[in-house]
């Protein structure tokens, strides 16, 4: 599998490597999926929308929600797509997601 492909990232976030989970938390798994889709241009078009939608879907499937405005989501997707990891490192994206994660209230 080619590193950066959709299959690669799905395998990487699901299965441990040498007994260690590379992305042990929900936030890290969801963030890495979005990151790879956006940064590595997994699809011909729509990578920013697809990546951020995948992030939100994983979070929602696990009983949480992303407490961010559409403008914030767009800005972050553009920063991820923008280029060098030094400009917007993955760890900063993980912190951004973690800071906006909220438990969904069920009635």
Protein backbone atom coordinates (compact mmCIF):
# COMPACT_ATOMS: atom_id res chain seq x y z
CA UNK A 1 0.00 0.00 0.00
CA UNK A 2 1.19 3.48 -0.86
CA UNK A 3 1.73 5.70 2.21
CA UNK A 4 -0.76 8.53 2.01
CA UNK A 5 -3.39 6.52 0.20
CA UNK A 6 -6.85 6.15 1.69
CA UNK A 7 -6.29 2.42 2.26
CA UNK A 8 -3.01 3.12 4.04
CA UNK A 9 -4.49 5.66 6.43
CA UNK A 10 -7.51 3.47 7.22
CA UNK A 11 -5.16 0.60 8.08
CA UNK A 12 -2.86 2.89 10.07
CA UNK A 13 -5.61 4.27 12.30
CA UNK A 14 -7.24 0.87 12.90
CA UNK A 15 -4.41 -1.57 13.56
CA UNK A 16 -1.40 -1.47 15.89
CA UNK A 17 2.13 -1.55 14.55
CA UNK A 18 4.41 -3.89 16.51
CA UNK A 19 1.84 -3.93 19.31
CA UNK A 20 1.61 -0.14 19.63
CA UNK A 21 -1.36 1.89 18.46
CA UNK A 22 0.06 4.78 16.43
CA UNK A 23 -3.11 6.83 16.91
CA UNK A 24 -4.53 5.68 20.25
CA UNK A 25 -7.31 8.23 20.75
CA UNK A 26 -10.49 9.02 18.85
CA UNK A 27 -9.19 12.53 18.19
CA UNK A 28 -5.89 11.29 16.78
CA UNK A 29 -7.59 8.70 14.55
CA UNK A 30 -10.15 11.16 13.18
CA UNK A 31 -7.55 13.89 12.76
CA UNK A 32 -5.12 11.61 10.91
CA UNK A 33 -7.83 10.45 8.51
CA UNK A 34 -8.74 14.07 7.71
CA UNK A 35 -5.07 15.08 7.53
CA UNK A 36 -4.12 12.41 4.99
CA UNK A 37 -7.20 12.98 2.83
CA UNK A 38 -6.52 16.73 2.72
CA UNK A 39 -2.72 16.91 2.74
CA UNK A 40 -2.05 14.03 0.36
CA UNK A 41 -4.92 14.81 -2.04
CA UNK A 42 -6.33 11.29 -1.86
CA UNK A 43 -9.11 12.18 -4.30
CA UNK A 44 -9.05 14.11 -7.55
CA UNK A 45 -11.30 16.84 -6.13
CA UNK A 46 -13.06 17.68 -2.87
CA UNK A 47 -10.30 16.58 -0.51
CA UNK A 48 -10.78 19.41 1.98
CA UNK A 49 -14.55 18.85 2.19
CA UNK A 50 -14.16 15.08 2.35
CA UNK A 51 -11.41 15.20 4.96
CA UNK A 52 -13.28 17.51 7.30
CA UNK A 53 -16.53 15.57 6.75
CA UNK A 54 -14.73 12.33 7.62
CA UNK A 55 -13.39 13.97 10.79
CA UNK A 56 -16.85 15.12 11.85
CA UNK A 57 -18.45 11.78 10.96
CA UNK A 58 -16.03 9.74 13.08
CA UNK A 59 -16.49 12.13 15.99
CA UNK A 60 -20.30 12.00 15.71
CA UNK A 61 -20.36 8.19 15.37
CA UNK A 62 -18.60 8.12 18.73
CA UNK A 63 -21.12 10.31 20.54
CA UNK A 64 -19.36 13.65 20.27
CA UNK A 65 -19.53 16.74 18.12
CA UNK A 66 -17.08 19.26 16.77
CA UNK A 67 -17.91 22.65 18.26
CA UNK A 68 -16.57 24.85 15.45
CA UNK A 69 -18.08 27.29 13.01
CA UNK A 70 -18.08 26.60 9.29
CA UNK A 71 -15.58 29.42 8.86
CA UNK A 72 -13.21 27.80 11.39
CA UNK A 73 -13.49 24.42 9.67
CA UNK A 74 -12.78 25.98 6.27
CA UNK A 75 -9.80 27.92 7.63
CA UNK A 76 -8.27 24.81 9.19
CA UNK A 77 -8.83 22.73 6.05
CA UNK A 78 -7.10 25.43 4.00
CA UNK A 79 -4.18 25.50 6.46
CA UNK A 80 -3.78 21.72 6.19
CA UNK A 81 -3.92 21.83 2.41
CA UNK A 82 -1.61 24.81 2.30
CA UNK A 83 1.69 23.08 2.29
CA UNK A 84 4.52 22.51 4.68
CA UNK A 85 4.11 20.71 7.99
CA UNK A 86 6.14 23.49 9.63
CA UNK A 87 3.35 25.95 8.80
CA UNK A 88 0.64 23.83 10.42
CA UNK A 89 1.90 20.66 12.11
CA UNK A 90 -0.33 17.65 12.68
CA UNK A 91 0.00 18.04 16.46
CA UNK A 92 -1.50 21.53 16.23
CA UNK A 93 -4.45 20.12 14.26
CA UNK A 94 -4.96 17.42 16.93
CA UNK A 95 -5.03 20.15 19.60
CA UNK A 96 -7.52 22.16 17.54
CA UNK A 97 -9.85 19.16 17.29
CA UNK A 98 -9.41 18.22 20.97
CA UNK A 99 -10.20 21.79 22.08
CA UNK A 100 -13.46 21.73 20.11
CA UNK A 101 -14.66 18.23 20.98
CA UNK A 102 -17.91 18.15 22.92
CA UNK A 103 -20.04 15.27 24.13
CA UNK A 104 -23.39 15.13 22.39
CA UNK A 105 -26.31 15.41 24.78
CA UNK A 106 -28.93 12.73 24.22
CA UNK A 107 -32.49 13.33 25.38
